[in-house]
Amino acid sequence: MTANPLRAAKRVVVKIGSSLLVDEATGHVRRKWLDSLADDIAALKAHQTDVIVVTSGAIAVGRRPLGFKPGPLRLDEKQAAAAAGQIRLAHAYQESLARHDIVAAQILLTLDDSENRQRYLNARTTLVTLMAQGAVPVINENDTVATQEIRFGDNDRLAARVAEMVGADVLVLFSDIDGLYSADPRKNADARFLAEIRDITPEIEAMAGSVGSSLGSGGMVTKLMAARIAMGAGCRMAIALGDRLNPLSAIEKGGRCTWFLPSSEPRQARKSWIAGSLSVAGTLILDDGAVGALAKGRSLLPAGVAGVDGGFQKGDCVAFADRQGRILGRGLVAYGADEARRIAGHQSGEIESILGYCGKDELVHRDDMVLEV
């Protein structure tokens, strides 16, 4: 690896664990550390880099105000603690980022939200809109309704799903260790540090250690699961030491961490996923003007659609064909079949009057399509 991926990244997802964000002795947010992270985020945004934060900590912050004693909590107690902690956690992020006039926007997600097509697309649209307005989305797992996520502490994988969702260049997982070793360096003095991983082999998986903190519930196993998702999406991922001030700046300056390096870029990986991993639910018949526009790399607008076949839903994969029936490509459609038929052949400015709400201008955005010719 010749260049630091973080320096060139245009979109970064950062995952923060409970043990870094919350003081175990007091149950309070470590405000000095959080302020230093906010400083790093502001520095990235000053260079036109989008930043999303995926944070743990709601349960850890909320348990003391509710009077829960130290020690393991039942599932219902964890969910109650999360409800009390989420508002405190969001306020802490809001105050830290506001020091740089950056708007923090809270989003609660579960892994299921990232795997259900409709909710995936809705979440992606919200995140992209927030970043376009200069905000920093702060995502917390929705512990008040989730079950598996709480039991297994899988915010690492949730962060990877978010990185995949928004086409991030870099995912940073902060840990209490500075990267991946051949064995747990706290127990084995001969453990070998691994600076770069290009393929997650069974040997690499065998190196994963166990949970390292009473506050956090994730371990190296979930970080390798996250790495597999991120690399499959063409996103570079770093496991780095988070327990220091300005942890992102430390990575950018070349601080030690393990980089997981995929073989493709995010957009390439996304288009490959669209091309080869999805079944087609319908077909859009295009006029000659739309065929030419797609060939120039433009999005598909309703005005260029001459016909609609199939019973697809919003977010389904549809094929594009010219009037002679030649398949041109495929993509994720922004409207269901009934709505697509109503707006086909019309200008984007007419969508609201036809459908009764203001949807997307594009029937299929260029980032959500792949052409075969």
Protein backbone atom coordinates (compact mmCIF):
# COMPACT_ATOMS: atom_id res chain seq x y z
CA MET A 1 0.00 0.00 0.00
CA THR A 2 1.64 3.20 -1.19
CA ALA A 3 -0.83 5.83 0.08
CA ASN A 4 -2.87 6.28 3.24
CA PRO A 5 -6.50 5.53 2.23
CA LEU A 6 -7.94 7.96 4.76
CA ARG A 7 -6.16 10.95 3.18
CA ALA A 8 -7.81 10.39 -0.20
CA ALA A 9 -11.24 9.25 1.06
CA LYS A 10 -14.34 11.16 -0.01
CA ARG A 11 -16.73 9.30 2.29
CA VAL A 12 -15.78 7.77 5.64
CA VAL A 13 -17.73 5.70 8.16
CA VAL A 14 -16.34 5.63 11.72
CA LYS A 15 -17.46 3.08 14.31
CA ILE A 16 -17.13 3.97 18.00
CA GLY A 17 -17.39 1.32 20.71
CA SER A 18 -18.80 1.75 24.21
CA SER A 19 -15.49 1.21 25.95
CA LEU A 20 -13.96 4.17 24.10
CA LEU A 21 -16.88 6.55 24.47
CA VAL A 22 -18.07 5.83 28.02
CA ASP A 23 -16.06 5.98 31.24
CA GLU A 24 -16.55 2.61 32.89
CA ALA A 25 -16.18 3.98 36.42
CA THR A 26 -18.72 6.80 36.12
CA GLY A 27 -20.94 5.81 33.19
CA HIS A 28 -20.44 9.27 31.69
CA VAL A 29 -19.43 10.13 28.14
CA ARG A 30 -15.72 10.87 27.85
CA ARG A 31 -16.25 14.40 26.60
CA LYS A 32 -12.58 15.30 26.11
CA TRP A 33 -12.13 12.27 23.85
CA LEU A 34 -15.37 12.93 21.99
CA ASP A 35 -14.40 16.57 21.43
CA SER A 36 -11.09 15.44 19.94
CA LEU A 37 -12.95 13.07 17.60
CA ALA A 38 -15.24 15.94 16.59
CA ASP A 39 -12.13 17.99 15.83
CA ASP A 40 -10.92 15.21 13.53
CA ILE A 41 -14.31 15.00 11.82
CA ALA A 42 -14.32 18.75 11.25
CA ALA A 43 -10.85 18.51 9.69
CA LEU A 44 -12.04 15.80 7.29
CA LYS A 45 -15.14 17.78 6.35
CA ALA A 46 -12.99 20.85 5.69
CA HIS A 47 -11.42 18.77 2.90
CA GLN A 48 -14.88 17.91 1.48
CA THR A 49 -15.00 14.42 3.02
CA ASP A 50 -18.39 13.08 4.10
CA VAL A 51 -18.37 11.45 7.54
CA ILE A 52 -20.86 9.08 9.16
CA VAL A 53 -20.49 7.91 12.76
CA VAL A 54 -21.83 4.54 13.93
CA THR A 55 -21.78 4.65 17.71
CA SER A 56 -22.35 2.29 20.60
CA GLY A 57 -22.77 3.49 24.15
CA ALA A 58 -26.50 4.05 24.70
CA ILE A 59 -26.85 1.15 27.12
CA ALA A 60 -23.68 2.07 28.98
CA VAL A 61 -24.76 5.71 29.35
CA GLY A 62 -28.37 4.97 30.26
CA ARG A 63 -28.06 2.24 32.85
CA ARG A 64 -26.94 4.40 35.80
CA PRO A 65 -29.68 7.06 35.53
CA LEU A 66 -32.22 4.21 35.73
CA GLY A 67 -30.56 2.78 38.82
CA PHE A 68 -29.36 -0.49 37.32
CA LYS A 69 -26.56 -2.03 39.36
CA PRO A 70 -23.17 -3.02 37.86
CA GLY A 71 -23.11 -6.38 36.16
CA PRO A 72 -24.97 -8.14 33.37
CA LEU A 73 -28.43 -6.86 32.43
CA ARG A 74 -31.46 -8.77 31.19
CA LEU A 75 -32.60 -8.02 27.65
CA ASP A 76 -35.51 -5.88 28.82
CA GLU A 77 -33.18 -3.95 31.11
CA LYS A 78 -30.75 -3.37 28.25
CA GLN A 79 -33.56 -2.03 26.09
CA ALA A 80 -34.71 0.29 28.86
CA ALA A 81 -31.14 1.50 29.44
CA ALA A 82 -30.78 2.13 25.70
CA ALA A 83 -33.94 4.25 25.68
CA ALA A 84 -32.56 6.43 28.48
CA GLY A 85 -29.05 6.51 27.04
CA GLN A 86 -29.81 7.31 23.42
CA ILE A 87 -31.00 10.83 24.16
CA ARG A 88 -27.93 11.53 26.32
CA LEU A 89 -25.62 10.11 23.69
CA ALA A 90 -27.19 12.12 20.88
CA HIS A 91 -26.91 15.30 22.95
CA ALA A 92 -23.21 14.67 23.57
CA TYR A 93 -22.51 14.28 19.85
CA GLN A 94 -24.63 17.34 19.06
CA GLU A 95 -22.68 19.51 21.50
CA SER A 96 -19.26 18.29 20.39
CA LEU A 97 -19.94 18.77 16.67
CA ALA A 98 -21.72 22.10 17.20
CA ARG A 99 -18.37 23.53 18.34
CA HIS A 100 -17.50 23.39 14.61
CA ASP A 101 -20.97 24.49 13.42
CA ILE A 102 -21.64 20.94 12.23
CA VAL A 103 -25.16 19.55 12.50
CA ALA A 104 -25.45 16.09 14.08
CA ALA A 105 -28.40 13.98 12.90
CA GLN A 106 -29.42 10.90 14.88
CA ILE A 107 -30.53 7.77 13.03
CA LEU A 108 -31.55 4.52 14.73
CA LEU A 109 -30.99 1.38 12.67
CA THR A 110 -30.87 -2.36 13.08
CA LEU A 111 -29.09 -4.88 10.91
CA ASP A 112 -32.49 -5.87 9.53
CA ASP A 113 -32.93 -2.31 8.23
CA SER A 114 -29.80 -2.78 6.15
CA GLU A 115 -30.93 -6.12 4.76
CA ASN A 116 -34.57 -5.30 3.92
CA ARG A 117 -34.53 -3.76 0.43
CA GLN A 118 -37.18 -1.08 1.05
CA ARG A 119 -35.76 0.07 4.37
CA TYR A 120 -32.24 -0.11 2.95
CA LEU A 121 -33.13 2.32 0.17
CA ASN A 122 -35.01 4.65 2.51
CA ALA A 123 -32.08 4.74 4.94
CA ARG A 124 -29.60 5.28 2.11
CA THR A 125 -31.61 8.19 0.73
CA THR A 126 -31.81 9.83 4.16
CA LEU A 127 -28.08 9.43 4.78
CA VAL A 128 -27.10 10.81 1.38
CA THR A 129 -29.46 13.77 1.82
CA LEU A 130 -28.04 14.57 5.25
CA MET A 131 -24.46 14.48 3.97
CA ALA A 132 -25.38 16.65 1.00
CA GLN A 133 -26.56 19.25 3.52
CA GLY A 134 -23.27 19.08 5.43
CA ALA A 135 -24.60 17.14 8.42
CA VAL A 136 -22.89 14.23 10.17
CA PRO A 137 -25.29 11.29 10.61
CA VAL A 138 -24.80 9.64 13.99
CA ILE A 139 -26.15 6.10 13.79
CA ASN A 140 -26.95 4.00 16.82
CA GLU A 141 -28.29 0.48 16.79
CA ASN A 142 -31.97 0.61 17.70
CA ASP A 143 -31.52 -1.30 20.94
CA THR A 144 -35.03 -0.60 22.17
CA VAL A 145 -36.48 -2.90 19.50
CA ALA A 146 -33.50 -5.05 18.47
CA THR A 147 -32.65 -8.37 20.06
CA GLN A 148 -29.84 -10.09 18.16
CA GLU A 149 -27.85 -6.85 17.87
CA ILE A 150 -27.80 -6.40 21.64
CA ARG A 151 -26.96 -9.98 22.43
CA PHE A 152 -24.01 -10.11 20.07
CA GLY A 153 -22.86 -6.48 20.04
CA ASP A 154 -22.73 -6.43 16.26
CA ASN A 155 -22.28 -2.70 15.66
CA ASP A 156 -19.12 -3.60 13.73
CA ARG A 157 -21.20 -5.39 11.12
CA LEU A 158 -23.84 -2.66 11.20
CA ALA A 159 -21.09 -0.12 10.44
CA ALA A 160 -19.94 -2.23 7.50
CA ARG A 161 -23.50 -2.42 6.18
CA VAL A 162 -23.75 1.36 6.42
CA ALA A 163 -20.45 1.75 4.55
CA GLU A 164 -21.77 -0.58 1.86
CA MET A 165 -25.09 1.30 1.80
CA VAL A 166 -23.55 4.73 1.10
CA GLY A 167 -20.60 3.61 -1.05
CA ALA A 168 -17.98 4.70 1.49
CA ASP A 169 -14.31 4.70 0.55
CA VAL A 170 -13.11 3.94 4.08
CA LEU A 171 -14.52 2.29 7.19
CA VAL A 172 -12.66 2.81 10.46
CA LEU A 173 -13.35 0.48 13.39
CA PHE A 174 -11.82 1.87 16.57
CA SER A 175 -10.75 -0.73 19.07
CA ASP A 176 -8.78 -1.09 22.30
CA ILE A 177 -5.98 -2.59 20.21
CA ASP A 178 -4.05 -1.08 17.29
CA GLY A 179 -4.90 -3.73 14.71
CA LEU A 180 -4.96 -7.43 13.95
CA TYR A 181 -2.28 -9.73 15.37
CA SER A 182 -1.51 -13.37 14.76
CA ALA A 183 -2.52 -13.93 18.41
CA ASP A 184 -3.72 -11.79 21.32
CA PRO A 185 -0.66 -9.58 22.06
CA ARG A 186 -1.88 -9.08 25.63
CA LYS A 187 -1.42 -12.80 26.22
CA ASN A 188 1.27 -13.77 23.72
CA ALA A 189 4.52 -11.80 23.50
CA ASP A 190 5.31 -13.46 20.16
CA ALA A 191 2.13 -12.20 18.49
CA ARG A 192 2.86 -10.76 15.03
CA PHE A 193 1.24 -7.52 13.87
CA LEU A 194 -0.44 -7.64 10.44
CA ALA A 195 -0.36 -4.28 8.65
CA GLU A 196 -2.32 -5.26 5.51
CA ILE A 197 -4.92 -7.89 4.74
CA ARG A 198 -6.03 -8.46 1.14
CA ASP A 199 -7.91 -11.73 1.63
CA ILE A 200 -9.69 -13.04 4.73
CA THR A 201 -8.53 -16.64 4.80
CA PRO A 202 -9.40 -19.30 7.40
CA GLU A 203 -5.96 -18.64 8.91
CA ILE A 204 -6.83 -14.95 9.33
CA GLU A 205 -10.19 -15.82 10.89
CA ALA A 206 -8.45 -18.12 13.36
CA MET A 207 -6.47 -15.14 14.65
CA ALA A 208 -9.58 -13.37 15.98
CA GLY A 209 -9.52 -12.89 19.75
CA SER A 210 -12.21 -12.49 22.39
CA VAL A 211 -14.06 -9.55 23.90
CA GLY A 212 -11.66 -7.17 25.64
CA SER A 213 -13.91 -4.97 27.82
CA SER A 214 -16.83 -5.24 30.18
CA LEU A 215 -18.57 -2.23 28.59
CA GLY A 216 -18.17 -3.27 24.98
CA SER A 217 -19.70 -6.44 23.57
CA GLY A 218 -17.86 -6.77 20.27
CA GLY A 219 -14.58 -8.51 19.57
CA MET A 220 -12.16 -9.19 16.75
CA VAL A 221 -14.51 -11.85 15.37
CA THR A 222 -17.17 -9.26 14.54
CA LYS A 223 -14.51 -6.94 13.12
CA LEU A 224 -13.44 -9.61 10.65
CA MET A 225 -17.09 -10.14 9.71
CA ALA A 226 -17.29 -6.40 9.09
CA ALA A 227 -14.11 -6.53 7.02
CA ARG A 228 -15.58 -9.21 4.79
CA ILE A 229 -18.67 -7.05 4.12
CA ALA A 230 -16.63 -3.89 3.55
CA MET A 231 -14.14 -5.53 1.21
CA GLY A 232 -16.97 -7.09 -0.76
CA ALA A 233 -18.34 -3.57 -1.25
CA GLY A 234 -14.98 -2.22 -2.40
CA CYS A 235 -14.47 -0.29 0.84
CA ARG A 236 -11.11 -0.13 2.60
CA MET A 237 -11.33 -0.87 6.31
CA ALA A 238 -9.00 -0.07 9.19
CA ILE A 239 -8.86 -1.55 12.68
CA ALA A 240 -7.14 1.10 14.77
CA LEU A 241 -6.47 2.07 18.36
CA GLY A 242 -9.18 4.41 19.51
CA ASP A 243 -8.14 5.03 23.10
CA ARG A 244 -6.17 8.19 22.38
CA LEU A 245 -7.06 11.77 21.56
CA ASN A 246 -7.63 12.69 17.91
CA PRO A 247 -7.75 9.04 16.80
CA LEU A 248 -8.66 9.80 13.17
CA SER A 249 -5.86 12.30 12.85
CA ALA A 250 -3.46 9.66 14.14
CA ILE A 251 -4.46 7.30 11.32
CA GLU A 252 -4.20 10.05 8.72
CA LYS A 253 -0.67 10.82 9.93
CA GLY A 254 0.34 7.20 9.44
CA GLY A 255 -0.37 5.77 12.87
CA ARG A 256 -0.24 2.02 13.19
CA CYS A 257 -3.39 0.14 12.20
CA THR A 258 -4.41 -2.86 10.12
CA TRP A 259 -5.78 -2.04 6.66
CA PHE A 260 -8.11 -4.45 4.88
CA LEU A 261 -7.74 -3.70 1.17
CA PRO A 262 -10.33 -4.82 -1.41
CA SER A 263 -9.64 -5.42 -5.08
CA SER A 264 -12.31 -3.01 -6.37
CA GLU A 265 -13.59 0.51 -5.76
CA PRO A 266 -16.99 1.10 -4.07
CA ARG A 267 -18.87 2.07 -7.23
CA GLN A 268 -17.37 -0.81 -9.18
CA ALA A 269 -18.40 -3.24 -6.46
CA ARG A 270 -21.92 -1.79 -6.25
CA LYS A 271 -22.45 -2.03 -9.98
CA SER A 272 -21.11 -5.58 -9.95
CA TRP A 273 -23.65 -6.41 -7.25
CA ILE A 274 -26.48 -4.92 -9.32
CA ALA A 275 -25.33 -6.71 -12.46
CA GLY A 276 -24.83 -10.16 -11.04
CA SER A 277 -26.60 -10.56 -7.72
CA LEU A 278 -30.18 -9.43 -8.32
CA SER A 279 -33.05 -10.98 -10.24
CA VAL A 280 -34.95 -8.74 -12.62
CA ALA A 281 -38.53 -7.88 -11.58
CA GLY A 282 -39.58 -5.97 -14.69
CA THR A 283 -38.51 -4.11 -17.82
CA LEU A 284 -38.50 -0.45 -18.82
CA ILE A 285 -38.82 0.17 -22.57
CA LEU A 286 -36.79 3.24 -23.54
CA ASP A 287 -37.17 5.68 -26.41
CA ASP A 288 -34.20 6.58 -28.60
CA GLY A 289 -33.42 9.71 -26.60
CA ALA A 290 -33.15 7.79 -23.34
CA VAL A 291 -30.98 5.11 -24.98
CA GLY A 292 -28.57 7.84 -26.05
CA ALA A 293 -28.65 9.51 -22.61
CA LEU A 294 -27.76 6.26 -20.84
CA ALA A 295 -24.88 5.70 -23.25
CA LYS A 296 -23.51 9.08 -22.12
CA GLY A 297 -23.63 8.06 -18.46
CA ARG A 298 -26.81 9.90 -17.52
CA SER A 299 -29.65 8.82 -15.25
CA LEU A 300 -32.92 7.45 -16.61
CA LEU A 301 -35.71 10.04 -16.40
CA PRO A 302 -39.43 9.25 -16.70
CA ALA A 303 -39.64 11.24 -19.94
CA GLY A 304 -37.50 8.66 -21.70
CA VAL A 305 -39.65 5.65 -20.80
CA ALA A 306 -41.97 4.46 -23.55
CA GLY A 307 -43.34 1.38 -21.77
CA VAL A 308 -43.33 -0.51 -18.46
CA ASP A 309 -43.55 -4.30 -18.11
CA GLY A 310 -43.81 -6.25 -14.85
CA GLY A 311 -45.13 -5.77 -11.32
CA PHE A 312 -42.03 -4.51 -9.54
CA GLN A 313 -41.83 -2.50 -6.32
CA LYS A 314 -39.70 0.53 -5.46
CA GLY A 315 -36.10 -0.63 -5.04
CA ASP A 316 -36.47 -3.72 -7.23
CA CYS A 317 -34.04 -4.45 -10.03
CA VAL A 318 -35.44 -3.82 -13.51
CA ALA A 319 -33.99 -4.28 -16.97
CA PHE A 320 -33.71 -1.57 -19.65
CA ALA A 321 -34.59 -2.38 -23.26
CA ASP A 322 -34.85 -0.36 -26.45
CA ARG A 323 -37.93 -0.43 -28.68
CA GLN A 324 -36.54 -3.46 -30.54
CA GLY A 325 -36.34 -5.45 -27.30
CA ARG A 326 -32.56 -5.35 -27.00
CA ILE A 327 -31.54 -5.46 -23.31
CA LEU A 328 -29.31 -2.50 -22.48
CA GLY A 329 -28.70 -2.98 -18.77
CA ARG A 330 -30.38 -3.05 -15.39
CA GLY A 331 -30.79 -0.91 -12.29
CA LEU A 332 -32.66 -0.23 -9.05
CA VAL A 333 -35.90 1.60 -9.77
CA ALA A 334 -37.07 4.52 -7.61
CA TYR A 335 -40.80 3.93 -8.19
CA GLY A 336 -43.11 0.92 -8.20
CA ALA A 337 -44.57 -0.35 -11.47
CA ASP A 338 -47.95 1.39 -11.14
CA GLU A 339 -46.32 4.74 -10.42
CA ALA A 340 -43.76 4.21 -13.17
CA ARG A 341 -46.58 3.67 -15.69
CA ARG A 342 -48.27 6.88 -14.58
CA ILE A 343 -45.19 9.07 -14.93
CA ALA A 344 -43.69 7.36 -18.00
CA GLY A 345 -43.23 9.84 -20.82
CA HIS A 346 -43.65 12.83 -18.52
CA GLN A 347 -41.15 15.44 -17.41
CA SER A 348 -39.70 15.13 -13.88
CA GLY A 349 -41.33 18.44 -12.95
CA GLU A 350 -44.74 16.82 -13.47
CA ILE A 351 -44.18 13.95 -10.99
CA GLU A 352 -45.69 15.74 -7.99
CA SER A 353 -48.87 16.71 -9.81
CA ILE A 354 -49.31 13.19 -11.20
CA LEU A 355 -48.51 11.16 -8.07
CA GLY A 356 -49.49 13.66 -5.39
CA TYR A 357 -46.05 13.77 -3.78
CA CYS A 358 -42.59 14.97 -4.75
CA GLY A 359 -40.44 11.91 -5.41
CA LYS A 360 -37.07 11.54 -7.11
CA ASP A 361 -36.49 13.19 -10.47
CA GLU A 362 -34.87 10.03 -11.80
CA LEU A 363 -36.65 6.76 -12.41
CA VAL A 364 -33.27 5.04 -12.10
CA HIS A 365 -30.24 7.03 -10.94
CA ARG A 366 -26.99 6.48 -12.79
CA ASP A 367 -25.30 5.30 -9.56
CA ASP A 368 -27.93 2.54 -9.30
CA MET A 369 -27.56 1.12 -12.82
CA VAL A 370 -25.17 -0.94 -14.90
CA LEU A 371 -25.18 -1.09 -18.69
CA GLU A 372 -24.51 -4.21 -20.73
CA VAL A 373 -23.66 -2.45 -24.01
